Amino acid sequence: MKERRVKKMERQTKEEMRTKATAEEDDGGSIIEEKNKKDKSVSRRIFNWGNTKVKERYRQQIERTSQREKEEGGHLCSIGTLGGGLGSVAHCLVSTRAEREREQRQNLFKAELRRQKWEGCWYEYQDKRRDKKEEKREKEKLKEEKIRMASESLQSLHIYFS
């Protein structure tokens, strides 16, 4: 099950990279417009900045692992050692570079899924927060409208009796 999600994630990131490259070439105006949209919230700007940095880092690392797997796939590499205490013989764990890179890439895809989950939670929180603020503004507008109507009616009564 997890392997299916990881493979799906790998396909999605590859598709995103392709679409991003074509979008920048084809329609640069829309991307620039999105970047020029200023966000007033400092916390939202910081979150988006950090989120894009982490997303880009994961993407680059995934690209590097796939490139290394292609280039150095047949080479042997040492993963770690078992034992090795005083007087014992250490056993070295050895695998191919391709296996190691696949393992690293799976870990990166898992981390990317976690990042996406946190991103979704963050945007959900922001939506709830925005809705609360809008409700509060609406209540304040209604209250101000009632006060304004009451003052106008008092003024009209004052003018009528004057």
C-alpha atoms as a PDB file:
ATOM      1  CA  MET A   1       0.000   0.000   0.000  1.00  0.00           C
ATOM      2  CA  LYS A   2       2.752   2.431   0.976  1.00  0.00           C
ATOM      3  CA  GLU A   3       4.768   1.495  -2.083  1.00  0.00           C
ATOM      4  CA  ARG A   4       1.783   2.359  -4.290  1.00  0.00           C
ATOM      5  CA  ARG A   5       1.511   5.786  -2.667  1.00  0.00           C
ATOM      6  CA  VAL A   6       5.250   6.331  -3.082  1.00  0.00           C
ATOM      7  CA  LYS A   7       5.093   5.373  -6.768  1.00  0.00           C
ATOM      8  CA  LYS A   8       2.059   7.598  -7.274  1.00  0.00           C
ATOM      9  CA  MET A   9       3.914  10.437  -5.540  1.00  0.00           C
ATOM     10  CA  GLU A  10       6.926   9.873  -7.784  1.00  0.00           C
ATOM     11  CA  ARG A  11       4.736  10.125 -10.898  1.00  0.00           C
ATOM     12  CA  GLN A  12       3.042  13.260  -9.574  1.00  0.00           C
ATOM     13  CA  THR A  13       6.329  15.020  -8.875  1.00  0.00           C
ATOM     14  CA  LYS A  14       7.619  14.146 -12.329  1.00  0.00           C
ATOM     15  CA  GLU A  15       4.402  15.481 -13.886  1.00  0.00           C
ATOM     16  CA  GLU A  16       4.617  18.644 -11.763  1.00  0.00           C
ATOM     17  CA  MET A  17       8.171  19.258 -12.932  1.00  0.00           C
ATOM     18  CA  ARG A  18       7.116  18.806 -16.569  1.00  0.00           C
ATOM     19  CA  THR A  19       4.064  21.059 -16.255  1.00  0.00           C
ATOM     20  CA  LYS A  20       6.048  23.671 -14.334  1.00  0.00           C
ATOM     21  CA  ALA A  21       8.686  23.808 -17.070  1.00  0.00           C
ATOM     22  CA  THR A  22       6.072  24.083 -19.829  1.00  0.00           C
ATOM     23  CA  ALA A  23       4.029  26.651 -17.886  1.00  0.00           C
ATOM     24  CA  GLU A  24       7.087  28.864 -17.467  1.00  0.00           C
ATOM     25  CA  GLU A  25       7.857  28.605 -21.181  1.00  0.00           C
ATOM     26  CA  ASP A  26       4.289  28.934 -22.486  1.00  0.00           C
ATOM     27  CA  ASP A  27       2.502  31.329 -20.178  1.00  0.00           C
ATOM     28  CA  GLY A  28       4.932  33.288 -18.051  1.00  0.00           C
ATOM     29  CA  GLY A  29       2.389  36.027 -17.298  1.00  0.00           C
ATOM     30  CA  SER A  30       0.148  33.927 -15.050  1.00  0.00           C
ATOM     31  CA  ILE A  31       3.060  32.699 -12.930  1.00  0.00           C
ATOM     32  CA  ILE A  32       4.349  36.235 -12.519  1.00  0.00           C
ATOM     33  CA  GLU A  33       0.868  37.409 -11.532  1.00  0.00           C
ATOM     34  CA  GLU A  34       0.692  34.719  -8.849  1.00  0.00           C
ATOM     35  CA  LYS A  35       4.090  35.721  -7.485  1.00  0.00           C
ATOM     36  CA  ASN A  36       3.149  39.409  -7.458  1.00  0.00           C
ATOM     37  CA  LYS A  37       0.098  38.736  -5.312  1.00  0.00           C
ATOM     38  CA  LYS A  38       1.081  40.198  -1.975  1.00  0.00           C
ATOM     39  CA  ASP A  39      -0.048  38.420   1.145  1.00  0.00           C
ATOM     40  CA  LYS A  40      -0.658  40.703   4.086  1.00  0.00           C
ATOM     41  CA  SER A  41      -0.235  38.059   6.758  1.00  0.00           C
ATOM     42  CA  VAL A  42       3.353  37.734   7.925  1.00  0.00           C
ATOM     43  CA  SER A  43       2.811  34.219   9.256  1.00  0.00           C
ATOM     44  CA  ARG A  44       1.325  33.126   5.920  1.00  0.00           C
ATOM     45  CA  ARG A  45       4.243  34.623   3.998  1.00  0.00           C
ATOM     46  CA  ILE A  46       6.764  32.898   6.276  1.00  0.00           C
ATOM     47  CA  PHE A  47       4.937  29.586   6.004  1.00  0.00           C
ATOM     48  CA  ASN A  48       4.720  29.811   2.216  1.00  0.00           C
ATOM     49  CA  TRP A  49       8.411  30.745   1.960  1.00  0.00           C
ATOM     50  CA  GLY A  50       9.518  27.819   4.129  1.00  0.00           C
ATOM     51  CA  ASN A  51       7.103  25.460   2.426  1.00  0.00           C
ATOM     52  CA  THR A  52       8.423  26.311  -1.037  1.00  0.00           C
ATOM     53  CA  LYS A  53      12.023  25.898   0.142  1.00  0.00           C
ATOM     54  CA  VAL A  54      11.318  22.447   1.602  1.00  0.00           C
ATOM     55  CA  LYS A  55       9.299  21.413  -1.447  1.00  0.00           C
ATOM     56  CA  GLU A  56      12.109  22.479  -3.783  1.00  0.00           C
ATOM     57  CA  ARG A  57      14.714  20.689  -1.640  1.00  0.00           C
ATOM     58  CA  TYR A  58      12.769  17.422  -1.719  1.00  0.00           C
ATOM     59  CA  ARG A  59      12.325  17.742  -5.478  1.00  0.00           C
ATOM     60  CA  GLN A  60      16.047  18.303  -6.014  1.00  0.00           C
ATOM     61  CA  GLN A  61      16.991  15.402  -3.757  1.00  0.00           C
ATOM     62  CA  ILE A  62      14.578  13.087  -5.590  1.00  0.00           C
ATOM     63  CA  GLU A  63      16.121  14.127  -8.903  1.00  0.00           C
ATOM     64  CA  ARG A  64      19.634  13.531  -7.540  1.00  0.00           C
ATOM     65  CA  THR A  65      18.798  10.070  -6.199  1.00  0.00           C
ATOM     66  CA  SER A  66      17.292   8.971  -9.515  1.00  0.00           C
ATOM     67  CA  GLN A  67      20.310  10.353 -11.381  1.00  0.00           C
ATOM     68  CA  ARG A  68      22.747   8.585  -9.029  1.00  0.00           C
ATOM     69  CA  GLU A  69      20.769   5.367  -9.367  1.00  0.00           C
ATOM     70  CA  LYS A  70      21.165   5.510 -13.160  1.00  0.00           C
ATOM     71  CA  GLU A  71      24.849   6.473 -13.102  1.00  0.00           C
ATOM     72  CA  GLU A  72      26.170   4.386 -10.213  1.00  0.00           C
ATOM     73  CA  GLY A  73      23.515   1.660  -9.960  1.00  0.00           C
ATOM     74  CA  GLY A  74      25.866  -1.326 -10.121  1.00  0.00           C
ATOM     75  CA  HIS A  75      28.439  -0.094  -7.600  1.00  0.00           C
ATOM     76  CA  LEU A  76      28.555  -1.616  -4.158  1.00  0.00           C
ATOM     77  CA  CYS A  77      28.264   0.614  -1.110  1.00  0.00           C
ATOM     78  CA  SER A  78      28.499   0.075   2.622  1.00  0.00           C
ATOM     79  CA  ILE A  79      25.324   0.875   4.540  1.00  0.00           C
ATOM     80  CA  GLY A  80      26.575   0.264   8.056  1.00  0.00           C
ATOM     81  CA  THR A  81      28.107  -2.261  10.412  1.00  0.00           C
ATOM     82  CA  LEU A  82      26.723  -4.754  12.863  1.00  0.00           C
ATOM     83  CA  GLY A  83      28.543  -5.717  16.041  1.00  0.00           C
ATOM     84  CA  GLY A  84      32.013  -4.352  16.241  1.00  0.00           C
ATOM     85  CA  GLY A  85      32.337  -4.347  20.014  1.00  0.00           C
ATOM     86  CA  LEU A  86      35.551  -5.215  21.839  1.00  0.00           C
ATOM     87  CA  GLY A  87      36.886  -8.565  20.689  1.00  0.00           C
ATOM     88  CA  SER A  88      34.096  -9.227  18.203  1.00  0.00           C
ATOM     89  CA  VAL A  89      34.206  -9.173  14.453  1.00  0.00           C
ATOM     90  CA  ALA A  90      32.213  -6.436  12.736  1.00  0.00           C
ATOM     91  CA  HIS A  91      29.949  -7.441   9.878  1.00  0.00           C
ATOM     92  CA  CYS A  92      29.538  -4.857   7.173  1.00  0.00           C
ATOM     93  CA  LEU A  93      26.164  -4.454   5.460  1.00  0.00           C
ATOM     94  CA  VAL A  94      26.681  -4.072   1.728  1.00  0.00           C
ATOM     95  CA  SER A  95      24.164  -3.331  -0.998  1.00  0.00           C
ATOM     96  CA  THR A  96      24.186  -1.832  -4.449  1.00  0.00           C
ATOM     97  CA  ARG A  97      24.039   1.896  -4.947  1.00  0.00           C
ATOM     98  CA  ALA A  98      20.724   1.523  -6.808  1.00  0.00           C
ATOM     99  CA  GLU A  99      19.067  -0.156  -3.800  1.00  0.00           C
ATOM    100  CA  ARG A 100      20.356   2.540  -1.478  1.00  0.00           C
ATOM    101  CA  GLU A 101      19.130   5.337  -3.753  1.00  0.00           C
ATOM    102  CA  ARG A 102      15.683   3.719  -4.073  1.00  0.00           C
ATOM    103  CA  GLU A 103      15.490   3.499  -0.285  1.00  0.00           C
ATOM    104  CA  GLN A 104      16.480   7.143   0.069  1.00  0.00           C
ATOM    105  CA  ARG A 105      13.925   8.168  -2.550  1.00  0.00           C
ATOM    106  CA  GLN A 106      11.158   6.273  -0.734  1.00  0.00           C
ATOM    107  CA  ASN A 107      12.064   8.128   2.464  1.00  0.00           C
ATOM    108  CA  LEU A 108      11.962  11.425   0.561  1.00  0.00           C
ATOM    109  CA  PHE A 109       8.528  10.606  -0.841  1.00  0.00           C
ATOM    110  CA  LYS A 110       7.287   9.813   2.663  1.00  0.00           C
ATOM    111  CA  ALA A 111       8.669  13.136   3.875  1.00  0.00           C
ATOM    112  CA  GLU A 112       6.982  14.898   0.950  1.00  0.00           C
ATOM    113  CA  LEU A 113       3.657  13.267   1.874  1.00  0.00           C
ATOM    114  CA  ARG A 114       4.097  14.512   5.458  1.00  0.00           C
ATOM    115  CA  ARG A 115       4.862  17.999   4.146  1.00  0.00           C
ATOM    116  CA  GLN A 116       1.744  17.948   1.980  1.00  0.00           C
ATOM    117  CA  LYS A 117      -0.331  16.795   4.952  1.00  0.00           C
ATOM    118  CA  TRP A 118       0.982  19.678   7.073  1.00  0.00           C
ATOM    119  CA  GLU A 119       0.413  22.091   4.208  1.00  0.00           C
ATOM    120  CA  GLY A 120      -3.203  20.935   3.936  1.00  0.00           C
ATOM    121  CA  CYS A 121      -3.693  21.343   7.685  1.00  0.00           C
ATOM    122  CA  TRP A 122      -2.185  24.825   7.540  1.00  0.00           C
ATOM    123  CA  TYR A 123      -4.454  25.971   4.701  1.00  0.00           C
ATOM    124  CA  GLU A 124      -7.473  24.452   6.439  1.00  0.00           C
ATOM    125  CA  TYR A 125      -6.566  26.387   9.596  1.00  0.00           C
ATOM    126  CA  GLN A 126      -6.147  29.577   7.577  1.00  0.00           C
ATOM    127  CA  ASP A 127      -9.555  29.086   5.935  1.00  0.00           C
ATOM    128  CA  LYS A 128     -11.251  28.626   9.310  1.00  0.00           C
ATOM    129  CA  ARG A 129      -9.458  31.686  10.648  1.00  0.00           C
ATOM    130  CA  ARG A 130     -10.476  33.771   7.630  1.00  0.00           C
ATOM    131  CA  ASP A 131     -14.110  32.652   7.980  1.00  0.00           C
ATOM    132  CA  LYS A 132     -14.139  33.661  11.659  1.00  0.00           C
ATOM    133  CA  LYS A 133     -12.729  37.074  10.804  1.00  0.00           C
ATOM    134  CA  GLU A 134     -15.336  37.577   8.092  1.00  0.00           C
ATOM    135  CA  GLU A 135     -18.133  36.638  10.516  1.00  0.00           C
ATOM    136  CA  LYS A 136     -16.739  39.088  13.054  1.00  0.00           C
ATOM    137  CA  ARG A 137     -16.603  41.863  10.429  1.00  0.00           C
ATOM    138  CA  GLU A 138     -20.181  41.145   9.389  1.00  0.00           C
ATOM    139  CA  LYS A 139     -21.364  41.352  13.010  1.00  0.00           C
ATOM    140  CA  GLU A 140     -19.524  44.655  13.453  1.00  0.00           C
ATOM    141  CA  LYS A 141     -21.073  46.036  10.248  1.00  0.00           C
ATOM    142  CA  LEU A 142     -24.554  45.049  11.405  1.00  0.00           C
ATOM    143  CA  LYS A 143     -23.935  46.635  14.795  1.00  0.00           C
ATOM    144  CA  GLU A 144     -22.671  49.868  13.179  1.00  0.00           C
ATOM    145  CA  GLU A 145     -25.664  49.851  10.822  1.00  0.00           C
ATOM    146  CA  LYS A 146     -28.085  49.536  13.757  1.00  0.00           C
ATOM    147  CA  ILE A 147     -26.352  52.386  15.582  1.00  0.00           C
ATOM    148  CA  ARG A 148     -26.429  54.554  12.451  1.00  0.00           C
ATOM    149  CA  MET A 149     -30.125  53.820  11.858  1.00  0.00           C
ATOM    150  CA  ALA A 150     -30.944  54.611  15.491  1.00  0.00           C
ATOM    151  CA  SER A 151     -29.045  57.912  15.367  1.00  0.00           C
ATOM    152  CA  GLU A 152     -30.769  58.877  12.088  1.00  0.00           C
ATOM    153  CA  SER A 153     -34.183  58.123  13.535  1.00  0.00           C
ATOM    154  CA  LEU A 154     -33.345  60.182  16.638  1.00  0.00           C
ATOM    155  CA  GLN A 155     -32.206  63.072  14.442  1.00  0.00           C
ATOM    156  CA  SER A 156     -35.372  62.905  12.384  1.00  0.00           C
ATOM    157  CA  LEU A 157     -37.452  62.941  15.572  1.00  0.00           C
ATOM    158  CA  HIS A 158     -35.421  65.879  16.866  1.00  0.00           C
ATOM    159  CA  ILE A 159     -35.985  67.797  13.625  1.00  0.00           C
ATOM    160  CA  TYR A 160     -39.703  66.921  13.651  1.00  0.00           C
ATOM    161  CA  PHE A 161     -40.257  68.211  17.200  1.00  0.00           C
ATOM    162  CA  SER A 162     -38.063  71.280  16.796  1.00  0.00           C
END
